Amino acid sequence: MRDEYVSGYKIVRAVCFDDGCGFAFGVDQQAAFPYTIWQFDEFGGKRLYYSGHFFISENADSAELDYTDRIKEYQAANPGITERYNYLAAAEIGDEGNYNMIDGVINNVKKPSVLEQMREYERRIARKDSVAADDRDTIKASRPTRSDRQTR
């Protein structure tokens, strides 16, 4: 997959609608404002980016929120508009179960099965029980006996 860059920002996620309008999430960790959300128009496979919103590193969550808000606002202003099929998103969903980073890098670990989760839970409970039993033995050993109390 060929990475797409705009003004030094790597496009890690984008959505394009049937009318050719779309939004892109760009990242450049070396920039003063490492996150940006652009609007773009697509004509003949080429994109013209404009109307960028830039965010400082502490505002990565704000950038994510702005990205989703701009998409929702555009959809609300254009009822019935649909998102173009995104081959990268489909591949990411197939490989990773989501498409939170359409960048060609598998960034999700395999999720444990329900059976594996139940076994892990049982192991944690068994560890807690053994720790609790050890604590009870320690407390019992440190308590004075009746004979110790009577000699005082």
Protein backbone atom coordinates (compact mmCIF):
# COMPACT_ATOMS: atom_id res chain seq x y z
CA MET A 1 0.00 0.00 0.00
CA ARG A 2 1.29 3.47 -0.88
CA ASP A 3 1.19 5.92 2.02
CA GLU A 4 -0.42 9.26 1.32
CA TYR A 5 1.14 12.44 2.71
CA VAL A 6 -0.21 15.98 2.71
CA SER A 7 2.13 18.78 3.79
CA GLY A 8 4.21 16.25 5.72
CA TYR A 9 1.20 14.68 7.45
CA LYS A 10 0.58 10.98 6.88
CA ILE A 11 -3.08 10.30 6.16
CA VAL A 12 -3.99 7.50 8.55
CA ARG A 13 -7.74 7.56 8.03
CA ALA A 14 -10.12 9.05 5.50
CA VAL A 15 -13.74 8.89 4.49
CA CYS A 16 -15.12 9.95 1.12
CA PHE A 17 -18.77 10.33 0.20
CA ASP A 18 -20.54 9.71 -3.10
CA ASP A 19 -20.38 13.41 -4.01
CA GLY A 20 -16.55 13.38 -3.82
CA CYS A 21 -16.36 15.29 -0.55
CA GLY A 22 -14.49 13.73 2.35
CA PHE A 23 -12.47 14.14 5.51
CA ALA A 24 -8.98 12.95 6.36
CA PHE A 25 -7.09 12.44 9.61
CA GLY A 26 -3.38 13.28 9.28
CA VAL A 27 -0.50 12.69 11.70
CA ASP A 28 3.01 14.19 11.79
CA GLN A 29 4.64 13.60 15.18
CA GLN A 30 7.46 16.02 14.31
CA ALA A 31 5.12 18.96 13.68
CA ALA A 32 4.20 21.57 16.28
CA PHE A 33 0.60 20.49 15.79
CA PRO A 34 0.92 16.73 15.15
CA TYR A 35 -2.75 16.01 14.38
CA THR A 36 -4.88 17.54 11.66
CA ILE A 37 -8.32 16.97 10.20
CA TRP A 38 -8.81 18.13 6.62
CA GLN A 39 -11.81 18.35 4.38
CA PHE A 40 -11.13 17.40 0.78
CA ASP A 41 -12.78 17.18 -2.61
CA GLU A 42 -11.92 14.28 -4.87
CA PHE A 43 -11.90 14.66 -8.66
CA GLY A 44 -10.70 11.88 -10.94
CA GLY A 45 -8.83 10.13 -8.15
CA LYS A 46 -7.01 13.30 -7.04
CA ARG A 47 -7.78 15.04 -3.77
CA LEU A 48 -7.76 18.76 -3.04
CA TYR A 49 -7.31 19.28 0.71
CA TYR A 50 -8.55 22.39 2.51
CA SER A 51 -10.07 23.62 5.75
CA GLY A 52 -7.61 21.94 8.11
CA HIS A 53 -8.12 21.85 11.86
CA PHE A 54 -4.81 21.36 13.71
CA PHE A 55 -4.32 19.91 17.22
CA ILE A 56 -1.41 19.79 19.66
CA SER A 57 -0.17 16.44 20.95
CA GLU A 58 -2.18 16.63 24.18
CA ASN A 59 -5.34 16.92 22.06
CA ALA A 60 -5.24 13.62 20.15
CA ASP A 61 -8.67 12.78 21.57
CA SER A 62 -9.95 16.21 20.50
CA ALA A 63 -8.69 15.55 16.98
CA GLU A 64 -10.50 12.20 16.92
CA LEU A 65 -13.67 13.87 18.15
CA ASP A 66 -13.37 16.63 15.54
CA TYR A 67 -12.92 14.02 12.80
CA THR A 68 -16.09 12.15 13.73
CA ASP A 69 -18.05 15.38 14.38
CA ARG A 70 -17.19 16.83 10.96
CA ILE A 71 -18.28 13.61 9.27
CA LYS A 72 -21.57 13.54 11.20
CA GLU A 73 -22.24 17.23 10.49
CA TYR A 74 -21.65 16.70 6.77
CA GLN A 75 -23.97 13.69 6.72
CA ALA A 76 -26.65 15.68 8.61
CA ALA A 77 -26.36 18.56 6.12
CA ASN A 78 -26.57 16.12 3.18
CA PRO A 79 -29.28 13.57 4.01
CA GLY A 80 -29.14 10.37 2.03
CA ILE A 81 -25.47 10.72 1.15
CA THR A 82 -23.51 7.51 1.48
CA GLU A 83 -19.90 6.69 2.10
CA ARG A 84 -17.96 5.24 -0.81
CA TYR A 85 -16.78 1.70 -0.36
CA ASN A 86 -13.37 1.81 1.25
CA TYR A 87 -11.21 -1.17 0.28
CA LEU A 88 -8.65 -0.34 2.96
CA ALA A 89 -11.31 -0.24 5.66
CA ALA A 90 -12.65 -3.59 4.49
CA ALA A 91 -9.17 -5.11 4.66
CA GLU A 92 -8.55 -3.62 8.10
CA ILE A 93 -11.89 -4.88 9.40
CA GLY A 94 -11.09 -8.34 8.04
CA ASP A 95 -7.60 -8.46 9.57
CA GLU A 96 -8.15 -6.55 12.80
CA GLY A 97 -11.85 -6.39 13.54
CA ASN A 98 -11.98 -2.58 13.25
CA TYR A 99 -10.59 0.21 11.12
CA ASN A 100 -9.20 2.63 13.66
CA MET A 101 -5.90 3.00 11.82
CA ILE A 102 -6.08 2.46 8.07
CA ASP A 103 -2.36 2.64 7.57
CA GLY A 104 -1.31 -0.80 6.40
CA VAL A 105 -0.02 -1.80 9.83
CA ILE A 106 -1.79 -4.48 11.80
CA ASN A 107 -2.17 -2.73 15.12
CA ASN A 108 -4.55 -4.95 17.01
CA VAL A 109 -3.65 -8.11 18.85
CA LYS A 110 -5.74 -11.24 18.56
CA LYS A 111 -8.63 -11.03 20.96
CA PRO A 112 -8.87 -13.95 23.41
CA SER A 113 -11.78 -16.32 23.02
CA VAL A 114 -14.51 -16.48 25.65
CA LEU A 115 -13.08 -19.78 26.85
CA GLU A 116 -9.61 -18.23 27.25
CA GLN A 117 -11.13 -15.28 29.15
CA MET A 118 -12.96 -17.67 31.50
CA ARG A 119 -9.77 -19.64 32.17
CA GLU A 120 -7.87 -16.43 32.91
CA TYR A 121 -10.62 -15.35 35.30
CA GLU A 122 -10.44 -18.70 37.11
CA ARG A 123 -6.63 -18.35 37.41
CA ARG A 124 -7.01 -14.86 38.92
CA ILE A 125 -9.60 -16.09 41.41
CA ALA A 126 -7.35 -19.02 42.38
CA ARG A 127 -4.40 -16.62 42.90
CA LYS A 128 -6.54 -14.31 45.05
CA ASP A 129 -7.72 -17.27 47.13
CA SER A 130 -4.17 -18.52 47.67
CA VAL A 131 -2.98 -15.02 48.62
CA ALA A 132 -5.91 -14.66 51.01
CA ALA A 133 -5.09 -18.05 52.58
CA ASP A 134 -1.43 -17.04 52.98
CA ASP A 135 -2.54 -13.76 54.58
CA ARG A 136 -4.82 -15.64 57.01
CA ASP A 137 -1.94 -17.97 57.97
CA THR A 138 0.35 -14.98 58.53
CA ILE A 139 -2.24 -13.22 60.68
CA LYS A 140 -2.88 -16.39 62.73
CA ALA A 141 0.86 -16.87 63.28
CA SER A 142 1.31 -13.30 64.47
CA ARG A 143 -1.62 -13.37 66.94
CA PRO A 144 -0.80 -14.13 70.54
CA THR A 145 -2.25 -17.38 71.86
CA ARG A 146 -4.39 -17.59 75.02
CA SER A 147 -1.45 -18.73 77.03
CA ASP A 148 0.58 -15.74 75.76
CA ARG A 149 -2.21 -13.38 76.77
CA GLN A 150 -2.51 -14.87 80.29
CA THR A 151 1.22 -14.46 81.01
CA ARG A 152 1.17 -10.77 80.30
